[in-house]
């Protein structure tokens, strides 16, 4: 019975832990005819870690070239920009010392301890601009992509780029 007094609050607090899963979203100009674009160049890549700049370019180059696009040094149909950043996110967790006298209001024990957990969330934003009109045509955003763990970085990046460009180029809406 004493073990249950401590295990139940711990189990309940574990249910409140964040499940950080990679989220990928894309958006595009529905009126753009992506079939007219065949070349691209990198206008800008900014990341907090300079090692990521080449990784981001390599991952996108691989996917876009597999779709028949060609990278040029300048003057392509599309200008690509990428911005990668990590930021701190806070989550509050409350632990109770027992369930107290009952399950009603205030029945979770007589002492509660709240702690603040900090964790880093990495986000990559990639934009495609029409170089003739200077208009944004496509945007991909992936969260939980950039991390401080080098062994996971390239896997997470490749997975994010795969998801971003899975249905690329978009067909537009008629």
N, C-alpha and C. Protein backbone atom coordinates (compact mmCIF):
# COMPACT_ATOMS: atom_id res chain seq x y z
N UNK A 1 0.82 -1.20 0.00
CA UNK A 1 0.00 0.00 0.00
C UNK A 1 0.87 1.26 0.00
N UNK A 2 1.98 1.20 0.78
CA UNK A 2 2.87 2.36 0.82
C UNK A 2 3.52 2.58 -0.54
N UNK A 3 3.83 1.50 -1.23
CA UNK A 3 4.46 1.64 -2.55
C UNK A 3 3.50 2.31 -3.52
N UNK A 4 2.22 1.96 -3.45
CA UNK A 4 1.22 2.57 -4.33
C UNK A 4 1.11 4.06 -4.07
N UNK A 5 1.31 4.44 -2.83
CA UNK A 5 1.23 5.85 -2.47
C UNK A 5 2.26 6.68 -3.24
N UNK A 6 3.41 6.10 -3.54
CA UNK A 6 4.46 6.81 -4.25
C UNK A 6 4.45 6.52 -5.75
N UNK A 7 4.07 5.32 -6.12
CA UNK A 7 4.10 4.94 -7.53
C UNK A 7 3.00 5.61 -8.35
N UNK A 8 1.83 5.77 -7.78
CA UNK A 8 0.72 6.36 -8.53
C UNK A 8 1.03 7.82 -8.91
N UNK A 9 1.51 8.66 -8.01
CA UNK A 9 1.86 10.03 -8.43
C UNK A 9 2.97 10.06 -9.49
N UNK A 10 3.93 9.16 -9.34
CA UNK A 10 5.00 9.12 -10.34
C UNK A 10 4.44 8.71 -11.69
N UNK A 11 3.57 7.70 -11.71
CA UNK A 11 2.98 7.25 -12.97
C UNK A 11 2.14 8.36 -13.60
N UNK A 12 1.38 9.07 -12.79
CA UNK A 12 0.57 10.16 -13.33
C UNK A 12 1.45 11.29 -13.88
N UNK A 13 2.55 11.57 -13.22
CA UNK A 13 3.42 12.64 -13.71
C UNK A 13 4.10 12.23 -15.01
N UNK A 14 4.38 10.95 -15.20
CA UNK A 14 4.98 10.51 -16.46
C UNK A 14 4.02 10.68 -17.63
N UNK A 15 2.73 10.58 -17.37
CA UNK A 15 1.75 10.81 -18.42
C UNK A 15 1.77 12.25 -18.90
N UNK A 16 2.22 13.16 -18.06
CA UNK A 16 2.25 14.58 -18.42
C UNK A 16 3.53 14.99 -19.13
N UNK A 17 4.50 14.10 -19.24
CA UNK A 17 5.74 14.45 -19.93
C UNK A 17 5.48 14.73 -21.40
N UNK A 18 6.22 15.66 -21.98
CA UNK A 18 5.99 15.99 -23.38
C UNK A 18 6.46 14.88 -24.30
N UNK A 19 5.69 14.63 -25.31
CA UNK A 19 6.11 13.72 -26.36
C UNK A 19 6.52 14.62 -27.52
N UNK A 20 7.82 14.76 -27.69
CA UNK A 20 8.33 15.66 -28.71
C UNK A 20 8.50 14.85 -29.99
N UNK A 21 7.63 15.10 -30.92
CA UNK A 21 7.70 14.40 -32.20
C UNK A 21 7.94 15.44 -33.28
N UNK A 22 8.64 15.02 -34.27
CA UNK A 22 8.93 15.92 -35.38
C UNK A 22 7.63 16.27 -36.09
N UNK A 23 7.40 17.54 -36.25
CA UNK A 23 6.21 18.02 -36.95
C UNK A 23 6.67 18.77 -38.19
N UNK A 24 6.09 18.41 -39.33
CA UNK A 24 6.46 19.04 -40.59
C UNK A 24 5.20 19.61 -41.23
N UNK A 25 5.29 20.87 -41.66
CA UNK A 25 4.17 21.52 -42.35
C UNK A 25 4.70 22.19 -43.60
N UNK A 26 3.90 22.18 -44.64
CA UNK A 26 4.26 22.90 -45.85
C UNK A 26 3.07 23.74 -46.30
N UNK A 27 3.37 24.79 -47.03
CA UNK A 27 2.34 25.65 -47.60
C UNK A 27 2.90 26.17 -48.91
N UNK A 28 2.01 26.51 -49.83
CA UNK A 28 2.49 26.97 -51.14
C UNK A 28 1.44 27.84 -51.81
N UNK A 29 1.88 28.57 -52.81
CA UNK A 29 1.00 29.41 -53.62
C UNK A 29 0.21 28.49 -54.54
N UNK A 30 -1.08 28.43 -54.35
CA UNK A 30 -1.93 27.51 -55.10
C UNK A 30 -2.02 27.86 -56.58
N UNK A 31 -1.66 29.08 -56.93
CA UNK A 31 -1.76 29.52 -58.33
C UNK A 31 -0.43 29.36 -59.08
N UNK A 32 0.62 28.97 -58.37
CA UNK A 32 1.93 28.81 -59.00
C UNK A 32 1.97 27.52 -59.82
N UNK A 33 2.60 27.59 -60.97
CA UNK A 33 2.80 26.43 -61.83
C UNK A 33 4.22 25.93 -61.63
N UNK A 34 4.39 24.97 -60.74
CA UNK A 34 5.72 24.48 -60.39
C UNK A 34 6.38 23.71 -61.53
N UNK A 35 5.62 23.31 -62.53
CA UNK A 35 6.20 22.58 -63.66
C UNK A 35 7.11 23.47 -64.51
N UNK A 36 7.00 24.79 -64.36
CA UNK A 36 7.84 25.70 -65.14
C UNK A 36 9.20 25.95 -64.50
N UNK A 37 9.41 25.45 -63.29
CA UNK A 37 10.67 25.67 -62.58
C UNK A 37 11.55 24.42 -62.67
N UNK A 38 12.83 24.64 -63.02
CA UNK A 38 13.74 23.51 -63.17
C UNK A 38 15.10 23.74 -62.51
N UNK A 39 15.41 25.00 -62.19
CA UNK A 39 16.71 25.30 -61.58
C UNK A 39 16.49 26.10 -60.30
N UNK A 40 17.45 25.98 -59.40
CA UNK A 40 17.38 26.70 -58.12
C UNK A 40 18.80 27.03 -57.67
N UNK A 41 18.87 27.98 -56.78
CA UNK A 41 20.14 28.30 -56.13
C UNK A 41 19.86 28.67 -54.68
N UNK A 42 20.88 28.58 -53.86
CA UNK A 42 20.76 28.93 -52.44
C UNK A 42 21.08 30.41 -52.26
N UNK A 43 20.08 31.19 -51.90
CA UNK A 43 20.28 32.62 -51.66
C UNK A 43 20.85 32.86 -50.25
N UNK A 44 20.38 32.07 -49.27
CA UNK A 44 20.83 32.27 -47.89
C UNK A 44 20.51 31.02 -47.07
N UNK A 45 21.45 30.64 -46.24
CA UNK A 45 21.23 29.58 -45.25
C UNK A 45 21.82 30.08 -43.94
N UNK A 46 20.98 30.21 -42.94
CA UNK A 46 21.42 30.68 -41.62
C UNK A 46 21.03 29.66 -40.58
N UNK A 47 22.01 29.19 -39.82
CA UNK A 47 21.75 28.30 -38.69
C UNK A 47 22.65 28.73 -37.55
N UNK A 48 22.24 28.39 -36.33
CA UNK A 48 23.06 28.74 -35.17
C UNK A 48 24.38 27.99 -35.20
N UNK A 49 24.36 26.77 -35.69
CA UNK A 49 25.56 25.95 -35.80
C UNK A 49 26.00 25.96 -37.27
N UNK A 50 27.17 26.51 -37.58
CA UNK A 50 27.62 26.58 -38.97
C UNK A 50 27.71 25.23 -39.68
N UNK A 51 27.89 24.15 -38.93
CA UNK A 51 27.93 22.82 -39.54
C UNK A 51 26.60 22.45 -40.19
N UNK A 52 25.52 23.02 -39.67
CA UNK A 52 24.19 22.71 -40.20
C UNK A 52 23.95 23.32 -41.57
N UNK A 53 24.63 24.39 -41.89
CA UNK A 53 24.39 25.07 -43.16
C UNK A 53 24.61 24.13 -44.34
N UNK A 54 25.73 23.45 -44.35
CA UNK A 54 26.01 22.52 -45.44
C UNK A 54 25.10 21.30 -45.38
N UNK A 55 24.76 20.84 -44.19
CA UNK A 55 23.86 19.68 -44.05
C UNK A 55 22.48 19.98 -44.62
N UNK A 56 21.98 21.16 -44.33
CA UNK A 56 20.66 21.55 -44.86
C UNK A 56 20.71 21.61 -46.38
N UNK A 57 21.73 22.25 -46.92
CA UNK A 57 21.86 22.34 -48.38
C UNK A 57 21.97 20.95 -49.00
N UNK A 58 22.80 20.09 -48.43
CA UNK A 58 22.98 18.75 -48.98
C UNK A 58 21.69 17.94 -48.97
N UNK A 59 20.94 18.02 -47.87
CA UNK A 59 19.69 17.26 -47.77
C UNK A 59 18.68 17.72 -48.81
N UNK A 60 18.54 19.04 -48.98
CA UNK A 60 17.60 19.55 -49.98
C UNK A 60 18.10 19.30 -51.39
N UNK A 61 19.39 19.48 -51.62
CA UNK A 61 19.94 19.22 -52.95
C UNK A 61 19.63 17.79 -53.39
N UNK A 62 19.85 16.86 -52.51
CA UNK A 62 19.61 15.44 -52.83
C UNK A 62 18.17 15.21 -53.24
N UNK A 63 17.23 15.74 -52.47
CA UNK A 63 15.80 15.53 -52.75
C UNK A 63 15.36 16.26 -54.01
N UNK A 64 15.76 17.52 -54.17
CA UNK A 64 15.32 18.29 -55.33
C UNK A 64 15.92 17.74 -56.62
N UNK A 65 17.17 17.32 -56.58
CA UNK A 65 17.79 16.76 -57.78
C UNK A 65 17.16 15.42 -58.14
N UNK A 66 16.71 14.67 -57.16
CA UNK A 66 16.00 13.42 -57.43
C UNK A 66 14.66 13.69 -58.11
N UNK A 67 14.13 14.91 -57.94
CA UNK A 67 12.88 15.29 -58.58
C UNK A 67 13.10 16.00 -59.91
N UNK A 68 14.35 16.02 -60.37
CA UNK A 68 14.65 16.58 -61.68
C UNK A 68 15.08 18.03 -61.69
N UNK A 69 15.21 18.65 -60.53
CA UNK A 69 15.66 20.03 -60.47
C UNK A 69 17.17 20.06 -60.49
N UNK A 70 17.73 21.17 -60.99
CA UNK A 70 19.17 21.32 -61.09
C UNK A 70 19.62 22.53 -60.28
N UNK A 71 20.66 22.33 -59.47
CA UNK A 71 21.21 23.45 -58.69
C UNK A 71 22.18 24.22 -59.57
N UNK A 72 22.08 25.55 -59.51
CA UNK A 72 23.01 26.44 -60.21
C UNK A 72 23.60 27.40 -59.18
N UNK A 73 24.71 28.03 -59.53
CA UNK A 73 25.36 28.93 -58.58
C UNK A 73 24.57 30.22 -58.36
N UNK A 74 23.90 30.71 -59.40
CA UNK A 74 23.08 31.92 -59.28
C UNK A 74 22.15 31.99 -60.47
N UNK A 75 21.11 32.81 -60.33
CA UNK A 75 20.22 33.06 -61.45
C UNK A 75 19.27 31.94 -61.79
N UNK A 76 18.99 31.05 -60.87
CA UNK A 76 18.04 29.98 -61.14
C UNK A 76 16.60 30.46 -61.15
N UNK A 77 15.69 29.55 -61.46
CA UNK A 77 14.26 29.88 -61.45
C UNK A 77 13.77 30.16 -60.03
N UNK A 78 14.34 29.46 -59.08
CA UNK A 78 13.92 29.53 -57.68
C UNK A 78 15.12 29.88 -56.81
N UNK A 79 14.89 30.78 -55.84
CA UNK A 79 15.89 31.09 -54.83
C UNK A 79 15.45 30.43 -53.53
N UNK A 80 16.33 29.64 -52.94
CA UNK A 80 16.03 28.97 -51.68
C UNK A 80 16.67 29.72 -50.52
N UNK A 81 15.94 29.82 -49.42
CA UNK A 81 16.49 30.34 -48.18
C UNK A 81 16.13 29.35 -47.08
N UNK A 82 17.00 29.23 -46.11
CA UNK A 82 16.75 28.35 -44.97
C UNK A 82 17.21 29.04 -43.70
N UNK A 83 16.41 28.92 -42.67
CA UNK A 83 16.76 29.46 -41.36
C UNK A 83 16.51 28.35 -40.35
N UNK A 84 17.54 28.05 -39.59
CA UNK A 84 17.41 27.03 -38.56
C UNK A 84 17.77 27.62 -37.22
N UNK A 85 16.96 27.31 -36.22
CA UNK A 85 17.21 27.86 -34.89
C UNK A 85 16.73 26.89 -33.84
N UNK A 86 17.36 26.97 -32.71
CA UNK A 86 16.89 26.23 -31.54
C UNK A 86 16.49 27.26 -30.50
N UNK A 87 15.53 26.89 -29.70
CA UNK A 87 15.08 27.79 -28.64
C UNK A 87 14.73 26.96 -27.42
N UNK A 88 14.67 27.62 -26.29
CA UNK A 88 14.28 26.92 -25.07
C UNK A 88 12.78 26.94 -24.91
N UNK A 89 12.24 25.84 -24.47
CA UNK A 89 10.81 25.71 -24.19
C UNK A 89 10.69 25.28 -22.74
N UNK A 90 9.73 25.82 -22.03
CA UNK A 90 9.53 25.45 -20.63
C UNK A 90 8.26 24.65 -20.47
N UNK A 91 8.33 23.69 -19.56
CA UNK A 91 7.15 22.93 -19.20
C UNK A 91 7.12 22.80 -17.69
N UNK A 92 5.94 22.97 -17.11
CA UNK A 92 5.79 22.87 -15.67
C UNK A 92 5.27 21.48 -15.33
N UNK A 93 5.90 20.86 -14.31
CA UNK A 93 5.47 19.54 -13.85
C UNK A 93 5.21 19.63 -12.36
N UNK A 94 4.07 19.08 -11.94
CA UNK A 94 3.71 19.10 -10.53
C UNK A 94 3.68 17.68 -10.00
N UNK A 95 4.35 17.47 -8.89
CA UNK A 95 4.38 16.16 -8.24
C UNK A 95 3.70 16.29 -6.88
N UNK A 96 2.88 15.30 -6.56
CA UNK A 96 2.16 15.30 -5.29
C UNK A 96 2.75 14.22 -4.40
N UNK A 97 2.69 14.43 -3.06
CA UNK A 97 3.27 13.46 -2.14
C UNK A 97 2.32 12.31 -1.81
N UNK A 98 1.11 12.32 -2.30
CA UNK A 98 0.14 11.25 -2.03
C UNK A 98 -1.23 11.73 -2.40
N UNK A 99 -2.18 10.84 -2.34
CA UNK A 99 -3.52 11.19 -2.77
C UNK A 99 -4.39 11.74 -1.66
N UNK A 100 -3.92 11.74 -0.43
CA UNK A 100 -4.68 12.37 0.64
C UNK A 100 -5.97 11.64 0.96
N UNK A 101 -6.94 12.37 1.49
CA UNK A 101 -8.13 11.72 2.03
C UNK A 101 -9.14 11.27 0.98
N UNK A 102 -9.10 11.72 -0.24
CA UNK A 102 -10.13 11.27 -1.18
C UNK A 102 -9.84 11.76 -2.58
N UNK A 103 -10.75 11.44 -3.50
CA UNK A 103 -10.57 11.76 -4.90
C UNK A 103 -11.23 13.08 -5.28
N UNK A 104 -11.85 13.75 -4.35
CA UNK A 104 -12.52 15.01 -4.67
C UNK A 104 -11.53 16.15 -4.79
N UNK A 105 -12.07 17.39 -4.82
CA UNK A 105 -11.20 18.56 -4.89
C UNK A 105 -10.26 18.56 -3.70
N UNK A 106 -9.00 18.82 -3.95
CA UNK A 106 -8.01 18.85 -2.88
C UNK A 106 -7.62 17.47 -2.41
N UNK A 107 -8.05 16.44 -3.09
CA UNK A 107 -7.77 15.08 -2.65
C UNK A 107 -6.46 14.53 -3.18
N UNK A 108 -5.57 15.36 -3.67
CA UNK A 108 -4.32 14.86 -4.24
C UNK A 108 -3.15 14.97 -3.27
N UNK A 109 -3.40 15.11 -2.02
CA UNK A 109 -2.31 15.16 -1.06
C UNK A 109 -2.17 16.53 -0.47
N UNK A 110 -1.34 16.59 0.56
CA UNK A 110 -1.22 17.86 1.25
C UNK A 110 -0.01 18.68 0.82
N UNK A 111 0.89 18.12 0.01
CA UNK A 111 2.04 18.88 -0.45
C UNK A 111 2.25 18.64 -1.94
N UNK A 112 2.45 19.73 -2.67
CA UNK A 112 2.72 19.62 -4.10
C UNK A 112 4.02 20.36 -4.40
N UNK A 113 4.81 19.80 -5.31
CA UNK A 113 6.05 20.43 -5.74
C UNK A 113 5.99 20.62 -7.24
N UNK A 114 6.18 21.86 -7.68
CA UNK A 114 6.17 22.15 -9.12
C UNK A 114 7.59 22.48 -9.55
N UNK A 115 8.01 21.85 -10.62
CA UNK A 115 9.34 22.12 -11.18
C UNK A 115 9.18 22.59 -12.62
N UNK A 116 10.18 23.33 -13.08
CA UNK A 116 10.19 23.81 -14.45
C UNK A 116 11.24 23.00 -15.21
N UNK A 117 10.81 22.38 -16.29
CA UNK A 117 11.71 21.62 -17.15
C UNK A 117 11.99 22.45 -18.40
N UNK A 118 13.26 22.64 -18.73
CA UNK A 118 13.65 23.33 -19.95
C UNK A 118 14.11 22.31 -20.97
N UNK A 119 13.64 22.45 -22.18
CA UNK A 119 14.15 21.61 -23.25
C UNK A 119 14.21 22.43 -24.52
N UNK A 120 15.12 22.03 -25.42
CA UNK A 120 15.35 22.79 -26.64
C UNK A 120 14.51 22.22 -27.77
N UNK A 121 13.93 23.11 -28.51
CA UNK A 121 13.15 22.72 -29.67
C UNK A 121 13.85 23.29 -30.89
N UNK A 122 14.16 22.46 -31.86
CA UNK A 122 14.86 22.90 -33.06
C UNK A 122 13.91 23.04 -34.23
N UNK A 123 13.96 24.15 -34.92
CA UNK A 123 13.05 24.41 -36.03
C UNK A 123 13.84 24.80 -37.27
N UNK A 124 13.41 24.26 -38.40
CA UNK A 124 14.00 24.59 -39.69
C UNK A 124 12.90 25.13 -40.58
N UNK A 125 13.14 26.31 -41.17
CA UNK A 125 12.19 26.92 -42.10
C UNK A 125 12.90 27.09 -43.43
N UNK A 126 12.29 26.55 -44.49
CA UNK A 126 12.87 26.66 -45.83
C UNK A 126 11.83 27.33 -46.73
N UNK A 127 12.26 28.36 -47.46
CA UNK A 127 11.38 29.10 -48.37
C UNK A 127 11.90 28.99 -49.79
N UNK A 128 10.97 28.98 -50.74
CA UNK A 128 11.31 29.01 -52.17
C UNK A 128 10.66 30.24 -52.78
N UNK A 129 11.49 31.06 -53.40
CA UNK A 129 11.02 32.30 -54.02
C UNK A 129 11.17 32.20 -55.54
N UNK A 130 10.18 32.73 -56.25
CA UNK A 130 10.27 32.87 -57.70
C UNK A 130 11.23 34.03 -57.95
N UNK A 131 12.32 33.78 -58.65
CA UNK A 131 13.32 34.84 -58.84
C UNK A 131 12.85 35.94 -59.79
N UNK A 132 11.87 35.63 -60.64
CA UNK A 132 11.36 36.66 -61.56
C UNK A 132 10.42 37.62 -60.85
N UNK A 133 9.50 37.08 -60.05
CA UNK A 133 8.49 37.92 -59.41
C UNK A 133 8.86 38.31 -57.97
N UNK A 134 9.88 37.63 -57.40
CA UNK A 134 10.32 37.84 -56.01
C UNK A 134 9.24 37.44 -55.00
N UNK A 135 8.30 36.61 -55.42
CA UNK A 135 7.21 36.16 -54.54
C UNK A 135 7.53 34.82 -53.91
N UNK A 136 7.08 34.67 -52.66
CA UNK A 136 7.22 33.40 -51.97
C UNK A 136 6.27 32.40 -52.62
N UNK A 137 6.81 31.23 -53.01
CA UNK A 137 5.99 30.20 -53.65
C UNK A 137 5.72 29.01 -52.75
N UNK A 138 6.67 28.69 -51.88
CA UNK A 138 6.56 27.48 -51.07
C UNK A 138 7.30 27.69 -49.76
N UNK A 139 6.76 27.13 -48.67
CA UNK A 139 7.41 27.18 -47.37
C UNK A 139 7.27 25.83 -46.70
N UNK A 140 8.37 25.35 -46.15
CA UNK A 140 8.37 24.14 -45.35
C UNK A 140 8.90 24.46 -43.97
N UNK A 141 8.23 23.94 -42.94
CA UNK A 141 8.63 24.16 -41.56
C UNK A 141 8.70 22.81 -40.86
N UNK A 142 9.81 22.53 -40.24
CA UNK A 142 9.97 21.28 -39.49
C UNK A 142 10.44 21.62 -38.08
N UNK A 143 9.71 21.12 -37.08
CA UNK A 143 10.13 21.33 -35.70
C UNK A 143 10.80 20.06 -35.20
N UNK A 144 11.54 20.18 -34.14
CA UNK A 144 12.31 19.09 -33.56
C UNK A 144 13.24 18.48 -34.60
N UNK A 145 13.88 19.33 -35.38
CA UNK A 145 14.78 18.88 -36.44
C UNK A 145 16.22 19.16 -36.08
N UNK A 146 16.49 20.29 -35.47
CA UNK A 146 17.85 20.67 -35.10
C UNK A 146 18.04 20.36 -33.63
N UNK A 147 19.11 19.65 -33.32
CA UNK A 147 19.35 19.32 -31.92
C UNK A 147 20.83 19.48 -31.59
N UNK A 148 21.14 19.30 -30.33
CA UNK A 148 22.52 19.37 -29.89
C UNK A 148 23.18 18.00 -29.87
N UNK A 149 22.50 16.98 -30.34
CA UNK A 149 23.03 15.62 -30.34
C UNK A 149 23.48 15.26 -31.75
N UNK A 150 24.77 15.32 -32.02
CA UNK A 150 25.28 15.11 -33.38
C UNK A 150 24.89 13.77 -33.98
N UNK A 151 24.78 12.73 -33.17
CA UNK A 151 24.45 11.41 -33.71
C UNK A 151 23.03 11.34 -34.26
N UNK A 152 22.17 12.22 -33.84
CA UNK A 152 20.78 12.23 -34.31
C UNK A 152 20.52 13.27 -35.39
N UNK A 153 21.40 14.25 -35.51
CA UNK A 153 21.16 15.40 -36.38
C UNK A 153 20.84 15.05 -37.82
N UNK A 154 21.70 14.29 -38.46
CA UNK A 154 21.50 14.02 -39.87
C UNK A 154 20.28 13.16 -40.12
N UNK A 155 20.01 12.20 -39.24
CA UNK A 155 18.81 11.37 -39.38
C UNK A 155 17.55 12.22 -39.29
N UNK A 156 17.50 13.09 -38.29
CA UNK A 156 16.33 13.95 -38.11
C UNK A 156 16.17 14.90 -39.29
N UNK A 157 17.27 15.45 -39.75
CA UNK A 157 17.22 16.38 -40.88
C UNK A 157 16.73 15.66 -42.14
N UNK A 158 17.30 14.50 -42.44
CA UNK A 158 16.88 13.75 -43.62
C UNK A 158 15.39 13.38 -43.55
N UNK A 159 14.95 12.97 -42.38
CA UNK A 159 13.54 12.62 -42.20
C UNK A 159 12.64 13.84 -42.43
N UNK A 160 13.06 14.99 -41.90
CA UNK A 160 12.27 16.22 -42.06
C UNK A 160 12.19 16.64 -43.53
N UNK A 161 13.32 16.58 -44.22
CA UNK A 161 13.34 16.98 -45.63
C UNK A 161 12.52 16.01 -46.47
N UNK A 162 12.61 14.71 -46.16
CA UNK A 162 11.78 13.72 -46.85
C UNK A 162 10.29 14.06 -46.71
N UNK A 163 9.89 14.39 -45.48
CA UNK A 163 8.48 14.74 -45.24
C UNK A 163 8.09 16.02 -45.96
N UNK A 164 8.99 17.03 -45.90
CA UNK A 164 8.69 18.32 -46.53
C UNK A 164 8.47 18.17 -48.03
N UNK A 165 9.32 17.37 -48.66
CA UNK A 165 9.30 17.29 -50.12
C UNK A 165 8.60 16.04 -50.63
N UNK A 166 7.90 15.35 -49.75
CA UNK A 166 7.20 14.12 -50.14
C UNK A 166 6.23 14.35 -51.29
N UNK A 167 5.45 15.41 -51.22
CA UNK A 167 4.44 15.70 -52.26
C UNK A 167 4.85 16.91 -53.10
N UNK A 168 6.15 17.11 -53.23
CA UNK A 168 6.67 18.23 -54.00
C UNK A 168 7.04 17.74 -55.39
N UNK A 169 6.83 18.50 -56.42
CA UNK A 169 6.20 19.82 -56.43
C UNK A 169 4.68 19.71 -56.33
N UNK A 170 4.08 20.67 -55.69
CA UNK A 170 2.62 20.65 -55.54
C UNK A 170 1.94 20.84 -56.89
N UNK A 171 0.77 20.28 -57.01
CA UNK A 171 0.02 20.35 -58.27
C UNK A 171 -0.82 21.61 -58.38
N UNK A 172 -1.07 22.28 -57.29
CA UNK A 172 -1.95 23.45 -57.32
C UNK A 172 -3.41 23.01 -57.23
N UNK A 173 -4.26 23.93 -56.96
CA UNK A 173 -5.70 23.61 -56.87
C UNK A 173 -6.42 24.20 -58.05
N UNK A 174 -7.27 23.45 -58.61
CA UNK A 174 -7.98 23.88 -59.81
C UNK A 174 -9.34 24.44 -59.44
